[in-house]
Amino acid sequence: MSNTINIMENTSTATVTIEELMKENSLLKQEIEELKVKLRWFEEQFRLSRQKMYGRSSEKTNSGEGEQLSFFNEAEKESNAEAAEPAIEEITYKRRKRKGYRRIQRVSACRWL
């Protein structure tokens, strides 16, 4: 009889253990998914920081941004392209040469007699 009670206790303990393991398994799976999301976020941040530090530094614009930049070209669009431009005068002048400096020779062996 003690053998049967022992088996029944083992079965109830086994079912409790299985349920606990299933709960723990689901919690661990959920934690793994959260960690994967964090890992993707950190990888993206790392990629963006490397691109910012070592990537292209030119000021190229996307097509959507070009429409906003056309706002600043409004004066060019409204200006008359056929209008005569003023004549450019070239100013000519003669550069002055630097004055030459005469080198003073030192008399090192000057003896007064």
Protein backbone atom coordinates (compact mmCIF):
# COMPACT_ATOMS: atom_id res chain seq x y z
CA MET A 1 0.00 0.00 0.00
CA SER A 2 2.77 2.40 0.78
CA ASN A 3 4.10 1.76 -2.70
CA THR A 4 0.78 2.88 -4.26
CA ILE A 5 0.62 6.02 -2.14
CA ASN A 6 4.17 6.79 -3.06
CA ILE A 7 3.35 6.43 -6.78
CA MET A 8 0.29 8.69 -6.40
CA GLU A 9 2.37 11.30 -4.63
CA ASN A 10 4.99 11.06 -7.36
CA THR A 11 2.32 11.54 -10.04
CA SER A 12 0.84 14.60 -8.35
CA THR A 13 4.32 15.97 -7.76
CA ALA A 14 5.21 15.23 -11.37
CA THR A 15 2.15 17.11 -12.66
CA VAL A 16 2.98 20.07 -10.43
CA THR A 17 6.58 19.97 -11.60
CA ILE A 18 5.48 19.79 -15.24
CA GLU A 19 3.18 22.80 -14.77
CA GLU A 20 5.96 24.75 -13.06
CA LEU A 21 8.37 23.87 -15.84
CA MET A 22 5.84 24.93 -18.49
CA LYS A 23 5.37 28.30 -16.74
CA GLU A 24 9.10 28.78 -16.43
CA ASN A 25 9.55 27.80 -20.08
CA SER A 26 6.97 30.36 -21.24
CA LEU A 27 8.58 33.07 -19.07
CA LEU A 28 11.99 32.28 -20.50
CA LYS A 29 10.64 32.38 -24.06
CA GLN A 30 9.07 35.76 -23.35
CA GLU A 31 12.34 37.03 -21.89
CA ILE A 32 14.23 35.78 -24.96
CA GLU A 33 11.88 37.71 -27.25
CA GLU A 34 12.34 40.88 -25.19
CA LEU A 35 16.11 40.46 -25.33
CA LYS A 36 15.98 39.94 -29.10
CA VAL A 37 14.05 43.21 -29.47
CA LYS A 38 16.61 45.02 -27.30
CA LEU A 39 19.46 43.49 -29.30
CA ARG A 40 17.93 44.69 -32.59
CA TRP A 41 17.52 48.18 -31.12
CA PHE A 42 21.14 48.30 -29.92
CA GLU A 43 22.42 46.99 -33.25
CA GLU A 44 20.46 49.72 -35.04
CA GLN A 45 21.85 52.38 -32.69
CA PHE A 46 25.37 51.05 -33.24
CA ARG A 47 24.90 51.10 -37.01
CA LEU A 48 23.56 54.66 -36.90
CA SER A 49 26.40 55.89 -34.73
CA ARG A 50 29.00 54.31 -37.03
CA GLN A 51 27.29 55.81 -40.05
CA LYS A 52 27.23 59.21 -38.36
CA MET A 53 30.89 58.97 -37.42
CA TYR A 54 32.38 57.32 -40.51
CA GLY A 55 29.63 57.65 -43.13
CA ARG A 56 29.25 60.13 -45.95
CA SER A 57 29.26 63.71 -44.85
CA SER A 58 27.94 65.30 -48.02
CA GLU A 59 24.77 67.31 -47.94
CA LYS A 60 22.78 65.28 -50.42
CA THR A 61 19.04 65.59 -50.04
CA ASN A 62 16.26 63.14 -50.58
CA SER A 63 13.59 63.90 -53.15
CA GLY A 64 11.08 64.83 -50.44
CA GLU A 65 13.40 67.40 -48.93
CA GLY A 66 14.09 69.00 -52.32
CA GLU A 67 10.62 70.50 -52.35
CA GLN A 68 11.33 72.40 -49.16
CA LEU A 69 14.66 73.64 -50.46
CA SER A 70 12.95 75.04 -53.55
CA PHE A 71 11.40 77.61 -51.22
CA PHE A 72 14.77 79.31 -50.98
CA ASN A 73 15.15 79.45 -54.77
CA GLU A 74 12.04 81.59 -55.07
CA ALA A 75 14.07 84.69 -55.97
CA GLU A 76 15.76 82.83 -58.81
CA LYS A 77 12.43 81.68 -60.22
CA GLU A 78 10.91 85.14 -60.12
CA SER A 79 13.94 86.99 -61.48
CA ASN A 80 14.13 87.95 -65.14
CA ALA A 81 16.72 85.77 -66.86
CA GLU A 82 16.89 88.08 -69.88
CA ALA A 83 17.89 91.13 -67.83
CA ALA A 84 21.29 92.51 -68.70
CA GLU A 85 23.96 91.91 -66.16
CA PRO A 86 26.12 94.85 -65.15
CA ALA A 87 29.52 95.10 -66.80
CA ILE A 88 32.39 93.89 -64.71
CA GLU A 89 35.30 96.29 -64.42
CA GLU A 90 38.73 94.91 -63.99
CA ILE A 91 40.91 96.98 -61.76
CA THR A 92 44.53 96.93 -62.77
CA TYR A 93 47.26 98.15 -60.54
CA LYS A 94 50.94 97.76 -60.20
CA ARG A 95 52.26 96.05 -57.14
CA ARG A 96 54.96 97.82 -55.25
CA LYS A 97 58.14 95.91 -54.83
CA ARG A 98 59.47 95.41 -51.39
CA LYS A 99 62.30 97.67 -50.51
CA GLY A 100 65.61 95.93 -50.47
CA TYR A 101 67.57 96.03 -47.29
CA ARG A 102 71.23 96.51 -47.53
CA ARG A 103 73.10 94.09 -45.46
CA ILE A 104 75.40 95.75 -43.01
CA GLN A 105 78.73 94.03 -42.78
CA ARG A 106 80.09 93.64 -39.36
CA VAL A 107 83.63 94.54 -38.82
CA SER A 108 84.77 91.97 -36.35
CA ALA A 109 88.47 92.58 -36.56
CA CYS A 110 88.40 96.29 -36.08
CA ARG A 111 91.33 97.42 -33.98
CA TRP A 112 92.04 100.90 -33.07
CA LEU A 113 95.63 101.75 -33.34
